[in-house]
PDB file of all heavy atoms in Angstrom:
ATOM      1  N   ALA A   1      13.412  19.570 -69.816  1.00  0.00           N
ATOM      2  CA  ALA A   1      13.740  20.881 -70.433  1.00  0.00           C
ATOM      3  C   ALA A   1      14.902  21.614 -69.805  1.00  0.00           C
ATOM      4  O   ALA A   1      15.766  22.112 -70.522  1.00  0.00           O
ATOM      5  CB  ALA A   1      12.460  21.722 -70.482  1.00  0.00           C
ATOM      6  N   PRO A   2      14.983  21.690 -68.489  1.00  0.00           N
ATOM      7  CA  PRO A   2      16.114  22.478 -67.887  1.00  0.00           C
ATOM      8  C   PRO A   2      17.462  21.788 -68.118  1.00  0.00           C
ATOM      9  O   PRO A   2      18.512  22.460 -68.032  1.00  0.00           O
ATOM     10  CB  PRO A   2      15.768  22.518 -66.399  1.00  0.00           C
ATOM     11  CG  PRO A   2      14.363  22.095 -66.255  1.00  0.00           C
ATOM     12  CD  PRO A   2      14.088  21.212 -67.394  1.00  0.00           C
ATOM     13  N   LEU A   3      17.461  20.482 -68.361  1.00  0.00           N
ATOM     14  CA  LEU A   3      18.700  19.711 -68.493  1.00  0.00           C
ATOM     15  C   LEU A   3      19.203  19.691 -69.914  1.00  0.00           C
ATOM     16  O   LEU A   3      20.371  19.462 -70.179  1.00  0.00           O
ATOM     17  CB  LEU A   3      18.467  18.235 -68.072  1.00  0.00           C
ATOM     18  CG  LEU A   3      17.868  17.986 -66.723  1.00  0.00           C
ATOM     19  CD1 LEU A   3      17.605  16.484 -66.565  1.00  0.00           C
ATOM     20  CD2 LEU A   3      18.845  18.450 -65.672  1.00  0.00           C
ATOM     21  N   TRP A   4      18.301  19.877 -70.842  1.00  0.00           N
ATOM     22  CA  TRP A   4      18.569  19.538 -72.246  1.00  0.00           C
ATOM     23  C   TRP A   4      19.511  20.565 -72.843  1.00  0.00           C
ATOM     24  O   TRP A   4      19.234  21.768 -72.802  1.00  0.00           O
ATOM     25  CB  TRP A   4      17.268  19.422 -73.018  1.00  0.00           C
ATOM     26  CG  TRP A   4      17.393  18.496 -74.162  1.00  0.00           C
ATOM     27  CD1 TRP A   4      17.746  17.193 -74.129  1.00  0.00           C
ATOM     28  CD2 TRP A   4      17.157  18.818 -75.558  1.00  0.00           C
ATOM     29  NE1 TRP A   4      17.716  16.657 -75.373  1.00  0.00           N
ATOM     30  CE2 TRP A   4      17.369  17.642 -76.289  1.00  0.00           C
ATOM     31  CE3 TRP A   4      16.783  19.964 -76.229  1.00  0.00           C
ATOM     32  CZ2 TRP A   4      17.193  17.587 -77.662  1.00  0.00           C
ATOM     33  CZ3 TRP A   4      16.626  19.915 -77.577  1.00  0.00           C
ATOM     34  CH2 TRP A   4      16.833  18.730 -78.292  1.00  0.00           C
ATOM     35  N   ASN A   5      20.592  20.098 -73.383  1.00  0.00           N
ATOM     36  CA  ASN A   5      21.590  21.008 -73.946  1.00  0.00           C
ATOM     37  C   ASN A   5      22.219  20.370 -75.193  1.00  0.00           C
ATOM     38  O   ASN A   5      23.343  19.846 -75.157  1.00  0.00           O
ATOM     39  CB  ASN A   5      22.695  21.287 -72.905  1.00  0.00           C
ATOM     40  CG  ASN A   5      23.593  22.433 -73.280  1.00  0.00           C
ATOM     41  OD1 ASN A   5      23.140  23.400 -73.860  1.00  0.00           O
ATOM     42  ND2 ASN A   5      24.863  22.340 -72.944  1.00  0.00           N
ATOM     43  N   PRO A   6      21.475  20.314 -76.302  1.00  0.00           N
ATOM     44  CA  PRO A   6      21.878  19.497 -77.439  1.00  0.00           C
ATOM     45  C   PRO A   6      23.204  19.970 -78.057  1.00  0.00           C
ATOM     46  O   PRO A   6      23.458  21.160 -78.215  1.00  0.00           O
ATOM     47  CB  PRO A   6      20.726  19.706 -78.455  1.00  0.00           C
ATOM     48  CG  PRO A   6      20.071  20.971 -78.056  1.00  0.00           C
ATOM     49  CD  PRO A   6      20.232  21.078 -76.568  1.00  0.00           C
ATOM     50  N   ASP A   7      24.028  18.998 -78.362  1.00  0.00           N
ATOM     51  CA  ASP A   7      25.285  19.273 -79.072  1.00  0.00           C
ATOM     52  C   ASP A   7      25.481  18.111 -80.088  1.00  0.00           C
ATOM     53  O   ASP A   7      25.621  16.967 -79.696  1.00  0.00           O
ATOM     54  CB  ASP A   7      26.439  19.280 -78.056  1.00  0.00           C
ATOM     55  CG  ASP A   7      27.748  19.751 -78.711  1.00  0.00           C
ATOM     56  OD1 ASP A   7      28.139  19.158 -79.732  1.00  0.00           O
ATOM     57  OD2 ASP A   7      28.393  20.693 -78.193  1.00  0.00           O
ATOM     58  N   LEU A   8      25.426  18.439 -81.370  1.00  0.00           N
ATOM     59  CA  LEU A   8      25.485  17.420 -82.377  1.00  0.00           C
ATOM     60  C   LEU A   8      26.748  16.577 -82.323  1.00  0.00           C
ATOM     61  O   LEU A   8      26.749  15.394 -82.769  1.00  0.00           O
ATOM     62  CB  LEU A   8      25.318  18.009 -83.772  1.00  0.00           C
ATOM     63  CG  LEU A   8      23.994  18.801 -84.019  1.00  0.00           C
ATOM     64  CD1 LEU A   8      23.826  19.080 -85.498  1.00  0.00           C
ATOM     65  CD2 LEU A   8      22.782  18.086 -83.494  1.00  0.00           C
ATOM     66  N   ASN A   9      27.786  17.111 -81.718  1.00  0.00           N
ATOM     67  CA  ASN A   9      29.032  16.350 -81.601  1.00  0.00           C
ATOM     68  C   ASN A   9      28.906  15.162 -80.606  1.00  0.00           C
ATOM     69  O   ASN A   9      29.679  14.207 -80.653  1.00  0.00           O
ATOM     70  CB  ASN A   9      30.199  17.215 -81.106  1.00  0.00           C
ATOM     71  CG  ASN A   9      30.573  18.247 -82.147  1.00  0.00           C
ATOM     72  OD1 ASN A   9      30.689  17.935 -83.331  1.00  0.00           O
ATOM     73  ND2 ASN A   9      30.798  19.492 -81.737  1.00  0.00           N
ATOM     74  N   ASP A  10      27.891  15.212 -79.745  1.00  0.00           N
ATOM     75  CA  ASP A  10      27.699  14.110 -78.792  1.00  0.00           C
ATOM     76  C   ASP A  10      27.079  12.886 -79.513  1.00  0.00           C
ATOM     77  O   ASP A  10      27.142  11.776 -79.010  1.00  0.00           O
ATOM     78  CB  ASP A  10      26.724  14.539 -77.679  1.00  0.00           C
ATOM     79  CG  ASP A  10      27.413  15.364 -76.613  1.00  0.00           C
ATOM     80  OD1 ASP A  10      28.656  15.514 -76.676  1.00  0.00           O
ATOM     81  OD2 ASP A  10      26.689  15.881 -75.714  1.00  0.00           O
ATOM     82  N   GLY A  11      26.449  13.091 -80.646  1.00  0.00           N
ATOM     83  CA  GLY A  11      25.803  11.994 -81.364  1.00  0.00           C
ATOM     84  C   GLY A  11      24.331  11.916 -80.972  1.00  0.00           C
ATOM     85  O   GLY A  11      23.899  12.427 -79.936  1.00  0.00           O
ATOM     86  N   VAL A  12      23.579  11.203 -81.810  1.00  0.00           N
ATOM     87  CA  VAL A  12      22.133  11.140 -81.664  1.00  0.00           C
ATOM     88  C   VAL A  12      21.710  10.531 -80.358  1.00  0.00           C
ATOM     89  O   VAL A  12      20.905  11.103 -79.610  1.00  0.00           O
ATOM     90  CB  VAL A  12      21.487  10.372 -82.865  1.00  0.00           C
ATOM     91  CG1 VAL A  12      20.038  10.059 -82.578  1.00  0.00           C
ATOM     92  CG2 VAL A  12      21.620  11.192 -84.144  1.00  0.00           C
ATOM     93  N   ILE A  13      22.197   9.337 -80.034  1.00  0.00           N
ATOM     94  CA  ILE A  13      21.649   8.598 -78.883  1.00  0.00           C
ATOM     95  C   ILE A  13      21.918   9.282 -77.560  1.00  0.00           C
ATOM     96  O   ILE A  13      21.075   9.293 -76.646  1.00  0.00           O
ATOM     97  CB  ILE A  13      22.135   7.126 -78.906  1.00  0.00           C
ATOM     98  CG1 ILE A  13      21.220   6.258 -77.963  1.00  0.00           C
ATOM     99  CG2 ILE A  13      23.568   6.983 -78.559  1.00  0.00           C
ATOM    100  CD1 ILE A  13      21.312   4.806 -78.196  1.00  0.00           C
ATOM    101  N   ILE A  14      23.105   9.942 -77.442  1.00  0.00           N
ATOM    102  CA  ILE A  14      23.392  10.635 -76.174  1.00  0.00           C
ATOM    103  C   ILE A  14      22.481  11.862 -76.021  1.00  0.00           C
ATOM    104  O   ILE A  14      21.957  12.157 -74.942  1.00  0.00           O
ATOM    105  CB  ILE A  14      24.855  11.034 -76.083  1.00  0.00           C
ATOM    106  CG1 ILE A  14      25.689   9.783 -75.784  1.00  0.00           C
ATOM    107  CG2 ILE A  14      25.143  12.117 -75.035  1.00  0.00           C
ATOM    108  CD1 ILE A  14      27.197   9.974 -75.747  1.00  0.00           C
ATOM    109  N   ASN A  15      22.243  12.585 -77.129  1.00  0.00           N
ATOM    110  CA  ASN A  15      21.315  13.715 -77.049  1.00  0.00           C
ATOM    111  C   ASN A  15      19.911  13.260 -76.732  1.00  0.00           C
ATOM    112  O   ASN A  15      19.147  13.932 -76.033  1.00  0.00           O
ATOM    113  CB  ASN A  15      21.292  14.474 -78.399  1.00  0.00           C
ATOM    114  CG  ASN A  15      22.445  15.463 -78.516  1.00  0.00           C
ATOM    115  OD1 ASN A  15      22.625  16.338 -77.648  1.00  0.00           O
ATOM    116  ND2 ASN A  15      23.265  15.346 -79.553  1.00  0.00           N
ATOM    117  N   PHE A  16      19.552  12.060 -77.205  1.00  0.00           N
ATOM    118  CA  PHE A  16      18.215  11.521 -76.990  1.00  0.00           C
ATOM    119  C   PHE A  16      18.044  10.986 -75.577  1.00  0.00           C
ATOM    120  O   PHE A  16      16.908  10.907 -75.039  1.00  0.00           O
ATOM    121  CB  PHE A  16      17.971  10.355 -77.987  1.00  0.00           C
ATOM    122  CG  PHE A  16      16.582  10.250 -78.526  1.00  0.00           C
ATOM    123  CD1 PHE A  16      16.365   9.855 -79.836  1.00  0.00           C
ATOM    124  CD2 PHE A  16      15.472  10.513 -77.769  1.00  0.00           C
ATOM    125  CE1 PHE A  16      15.090   9.745 -80.373  1.00  0.00           C
ATOM    126  CE2 PHE A  16      14.179  10.393 -78.263  1.00  0.00           C
ATOM    127  CZ  PHE A  16      13.973   9.986 -79.553  1.00  0.00           C
ATOM    128  N   ALA A  17      19.164  10.661 -74.931  1.00  0.00           N
ATOM    129  CA  ALA A  17      19.126   9.894 -73.655  1.00  0.00           C
ATOM    130  C   ALA A  17      18.197  10.407 -72.569  1.00  0.00           C
ATOM    131  O   ALA A  17      17.412   9.650 -72.006  1.00  0.00           O
ATOM    132  CB  ALA A  17      20.564   9.709 -73.124  1.00  0.00           C
ATOM    133  N   PRO A  18      18.222  11.730 -72.264  1.00  0.00           N
ATOM    134  CA  PRO A  18      17.321  12.219 -71.186  1.00  0.00           C
ATOM    135  C   PRO A  18      15.856  12.096 -71.513  1.00  0.00           C
ATOM    136  O   PRO A  18      15.023  12.227 -70.612  1.00  0.00           O
ATOM    137  CB  PRO A  18      17.740  13.709 -71.023  1.00  0.00           C
ATOM    138  CG  PRO A  18      19.048  13.850 -71.685  1.00  0.00           C
ATOM    139  CD  PRO A  18      19.059  12.830 -72.796  1.00  0.00           C
ATOM    140  N   LEU A  19      15.524  11.861 -72.797  1.00  0.00           N
ATOM    141  CA  LEU A  19      14.147  11.843 -73.208  1.00  0.00           C
ATOM    142  C   LEU A  19      13.561  10.394 -73.293  1.00  0.00           C
ATOM    143  O   LEU A  19      12.455  10.204 -73.749  1.00  0.00           O
ATOM    144  CB  LEU A  19      14.007  12.465 -74.625  1.00  0.00           C
ATOM    145  CG  LEU A  19      14.519  13.910 -74.763  1.00  0.00           C
ATOM    146  CD1 LEU A  19      14.701  14.281 -76.246  1.00  0.00           C
ATOM    147  CD2 LEU A  19      13.558  14.880 -74.102  1.00  0.00           C
ATOM    148  N   TRP A  20      14.340   9.449 -72.816  1.00  0.00           N
ATOM    149  CA  TRP A  20      13.998   8.039 -73.023  1.00  0.00           C
ATOM    150  C   TRP A  20      12.578   7.666 -72.559  1.00  0.00           C
ATOM    151  O   TRP A  20      11.924   6.778 -73.100  1.00  0.00           O
ATOM    152  CB  TRP A  20      15.014   7.138 -72.390  1.00  0.00           C
ATOM    153  CG  TRP A  20      14.953   7.075 -70.883  1.00  0.00           C
ATOM    154  CD1 TRP A  20      15.655   7.848 -69.994  1.00  0.00           C
ATOM    155  CD2 TRP A  20      14.151   6.193 -70.060  1.00  0.00           C
ATOM    156  NE1 TRP A  20      15.337   7.532 -68.702  1.00  0.00           N
ATOM    157  CE2 TRP A  20      14.419   6.488 -68.717  1.00  0.00           C
ATOM    158  CE3 TRP A  20      13.249   5.185 -70.347  1.00  0.00           C
ATOM    159  CZ2 TRP A  20      13.796   5.867 -67.669  1.00  0.00           C
ATOM    160  CZ3 TRP A  20      12.635   4.535 -69.298  1.00  0.00           C
ATOM    161  CH2 TRP A  20      12.910   4.876 -67.957  1.00  0.00           C
ATOM    162  N   ARG A  21      12.085   8.366 -71.538  1.00  0.00           N
ATOM    163  CA  ARG A  21      10.790   8.012 -70.959  1.00  0.00           C
ATOM    164  C   ARG A  21       9.639   8.288 -71.914  1.00  0.00           C
ATOM    165  O   ARG A  21       8.520   7.732 -71.714  1.00  0.00           O
ATOM    166  CB  ARG A  21      10.572   8.787 -69.653  1.00  0.00           C
ATOM    167  CG  ARG A  21      11.570   8.459 -68.551  1.00  0.00           C
ATOM    168  CD  ARG A  21      11.632   9.537 -67.464  1.00  0.00           C
ATOM    169  NE  ARG A  21      10.370   9.682 -66.786  1.00  0.00           N
ATOM    170  CZ  ARG A  21       9.982   8.953 -65.740  1.00  0.00           C
ATOM    171  NH1 ARG A  21      10.759   8.030 -65.243  1.00  0.00           N
ATOM    172  NH2 ARG A  21       8.816   9.198 -65.141  1.00  0.00           N
ATOM    173  N   MET A  22       9.818   9.101 -72.928  1.00  0.00           N
ATOM    174  CA  MET A  22       8.756   9.467 -73.846  1.00  0.00           C
ATOM    175  C   MET A  22       8.828   8.739 -75.197  1.00  0.00           C
ATOM    176  O   MET A  22       8.248   9.175 -76.172  1.00  0.00           O
ATOM    177  CB  MET A  22       8.767  10.988 -74.043  1.00  0.00           C
ATOM    178  CG  MET A  22       8.363  11.717 -72.805  1.00  0.00           C
ATOM    179  SD  MET A  22       8.579  13.524 -72.939  1.00  0.00           S
ATOM    180  CE  MET A  22      10.307  13.675 -72.533  1.00  0.00           C
ATOM    181  N   ILE A  23       9.593   7.624 -75.253  1.00  0.00           N
ATOM    182  CA  ILE A  23       9.734   6.887 -76.497  1.00  0.00           C
ATOM    183  C   ILE A  23       8.763   5.717 -76.527  1.00  0.00           C
ATOM    184  O   ILE A  23       8.760   4.865 -75.615  1.00  0.00           O
ATOM    185  CB  ILE A  23      11.178   6.349 -76.659  1.00  0.00           C
ATOM    186  CG1 ILE A  23      12.177   7.525 -76.698  1.00  0.00           C
ATOM    187  CG2 ILE A  23      11.319   5.499 -77.916  1.00  0.00           C
ATOM    188  CD1 ILE A  23      13.631   7.113 -76.648  1.00  0.00           C
ATOM    189  N   ALA A  24       7.918   5.629 -77.562  1.00  0.00           N
ATOM    190  CA  ALA A  24       6.911   4.551 -77.630  1.00  0.00           C
ATOM    191  C   ALA A  24       7.483   3.283 -78.308  1.00  0.00           C
ATOM    192  O   ALA A  24       6.983   2.193 -78.007  1.00  0.00           O
ATOM    193  CB  ALA A  24       5.719   5.051 -78.413  1.00  0.00           C
ATOM    194  N   HIS A  25       8.494   3.414 -79.132  1.00  0.00           N
ATOM    195  CA  HIS A  25       9.061   2.261 -79.855  1.00  0.00           C
ATOM    196  C   HIS A  25       9.985   1.537 -78.874  1.00  0.00           C
ATOM    197  O   HIS A  25      11.038   1.995 -78.494  1.00  0.00           O
ATOM    198  CB  HIS A  25       9.821   2.766 -81.073  1.00  0.00           C
ATOM    199  CG  HIS A  25      10.422   1.671 -81.898  1.00  0.00           C
ATOM    200  ND1 HIS A  25      11.698   1.188 -81.695  1.00  0.00           N
ATOM    201  CD2 HIS A  25       9.926   0.998 -82.955  1.00  0.00           C
ATOM    202  CE1 HIS A  25      11.940   0.237 -82.591  1.00  0.00           C
ATOM    203  NE2 HIS A  25      10.893   0.121 -83.360  1.00  0.00           N
ATOM    204  N   LYS A  26       9.530   0.337 -78.411  1.00  0.00           N
ATOM    205  CA  LYS A  26      10.193  -0.347 -77.289  1.00  0.00           C
ATOM    206  C   LYS A  26      11.680  -0.668 -77.502  1.00  0.00           C
ATOM    207  O   LYS A  26      12.481  -0.411 -76.606  1.00  0.00           O
ATOM    208  CB  LYS A  26       9.413  -1.624 -76.919  1.00  0.00           C
ATOM    209  CG  LYS A  26       8.030  -1.383 -76.373  1.00  0.00           C
ATOM    210  CD  LYS A  26       8.122  -0.590 -75.057  1.00  0.00           C
ATOM    211  CE  LYS A  26       6.737  -0.407 -74.440  1.00  0.00           C
ATOM    212  NZ  LYS A  26       5.867   0.420 -75.216  1.00  0.00           N
ATOM    213  N   PRO A  27      12.073  -1.207 -78.660  1.00  0.00           N
ATOM    214  CA  PRO A  27      13.524  -1.498 -78.835  1.00  0.00           C
ATOM    215  C   PRO A  27      14.376  -0.248 -78.764  1.00  0.00           C
ATOM    216  O   PRO A  27      15.472  -0.283 -78.164  1.00  0.00           O
ATOM    217  CB  PRO A  27      13.577  -2.161 -80.205  1.00  0.00           C
ATOM    218  CG  PRO A  27      12.229  -2.676 -80.482  1.00  0.00           C
ATOM    219  CD  PRO A  27      11.286  -1.725 -79.835  1.00  0.00           C
ATOM    220  N   TRP A  28      13.894   0.853 -79.339  1.00  0.00           N
ATOM    221  CA  TRP A  28      14.648   2.093 -79.322  1.00  0.00           C
ATOM    222  C   TRP A  28      14.666   2.675 -77.892  1.00  0.00           C
ATOM    223  O   TRP A  28      15.657   3.153 -77.398  1.00  0.00           O
ATOM    224  CB  TRP A  28      14.085   3.094 -80.343  1.00  0.00           C
ATOM    225  CG  TRP A  28      14.776   4.412 -80.373  1.00  0.00           C
ATOM    226  CD1 TRP A  28      14.225   5.641 -80.210  1.00  0.00           C
ATOM    227  CD2 TRP A  28      16.177   4.674 -80.660  1.00  0.00           C
ATOM    228  NE1 TRP A  28      15.148   6.623 -80.364  1.00  0.00           N
ATOM    229  CE2 TRP A  28      16.365   6.058 -80.612  1.00  0.00           C
ATOM    230  CE3 TRP A  28      17.265   3.849 -80.940  1.00  0.00           C
ATOM    231  CZ2 TRP A  28      17.592   6.661 -80.856  1.00  0.00           C
ATOM    232  CZ3 TRP A  28      18.505   4.432 -81.173  1.00  0.00           C
ATOM    233  CH2 TRP A  28      18.689   5.827 -81.111  1.00  0.00           C
ATOM    234  N   GLN A  29      13.501   2.559 -77.215  1.00  0.00           N
ATOM    235  CA  GLN A  29      13.475   3.067 -75.836  1.00  0.00           C
ATOM    236  C   GLN A  29      14.505   2.301 -74.954  1.00  0.00           C
ATOM    237  O   GLN A  29      15.182   2.906 -74.133  1.00  0.00           O
ATOM    238  CB  GLN A  29      12.066   2.886 -75.220  1.00  0.00           C
ATOM    239  CG  GLN A  29      11.987   3.531 -73.841  1.00  0.00           C
ATOM    240  CD  GLN A  29      10.688   3.223 -73.138  1.00  0.00           C
ATOM    241  OE1 GLN A  29      10.297   2.046 -73.020  1.00  0.00           O
ATOM    242  NE2 GLN A  29      10.006   4.256 -72.616  1.00  0.00           N
ATOM    243  N   LYS A  30      14.560   0.993 -75.161  1.00  0.00           N
ATOM    244  CA  LYS A  30      15.488   0.178 -74.405  1.00  0.00           C
ATOM    245  C   LYS A  30      16.944   0.623 -74.662  1.00  0.00           C
ATOM    246  O   LYS A  30      17.747   0.748 -73.724  1.00  0.00           O
ATOM    247  CB  LYS A  30      15.302  -1.295 -74.761  1.00  0.00           C
ATOM    248  CG  LYS A  30      16.152  -2.254 -73.923  1.00  0.00           C
ATOM    249  CD  LYS A  30      15.884  -3.694 -74.349  1.00  0.00           C
ATOM    250  CE  LYS A  30      16.756  -4.643 -73.551  1.00  0.00           C
ATOM    251  NZ  LYS A  30      16.569  -6.062 -73.975  1.00  0.00           N
ATOM    252  N   ALA A  31      17.268   0.872 -75.913  1.00  0.00           N
ATOM    253  CA  ALA A  31      18.647   1.295 -76.299  1.00  0.00           C
ATOM    254  C   ALA A  31      18.949   2.671 -75.711  1.00  0.00           C
ATOM    255  O   ALA A  31      20.064   2.892 -75.162  1.00  0.00           O
ATOM    256  CB  ALA A  31      18.772   1.317 -77.824  1.00  0.00           C
ATOM    257  N   VAL A  32      17.999   3.604 -75.773  1.00  0.00           N
ATOM    258  CA  VAL A  32      18.226   4.947 -75.278  1.00  0.00           C
ATOM    259  C   VAL A  32      18.292   4.939 -73.753  1.00  0.00           C
ATOM    260  O   VAL A  32      19.121   5.654 -73.176  1.00  0.00           O
ATOM    261  CB  VAL A  32      17.130   5.911 -75.816  1.00  0.00           C
ATOM    262  CG1 VAL A  32      17.280   7.291 -75.203  1.00  0.00           C
ATOM    263  CG2 VAL A  32      17.173   5.976 -77.336  1.00  0.00           C
TER     264      VAL A  32
END
């Protein structure tokens, strides 16, 4: 939460990146 600073110009995967630990879908978690 303290790190998260969404900017749509960064694109989806970069915005998603700090959250990778909470992804249940394994292939997407691996990519993120």
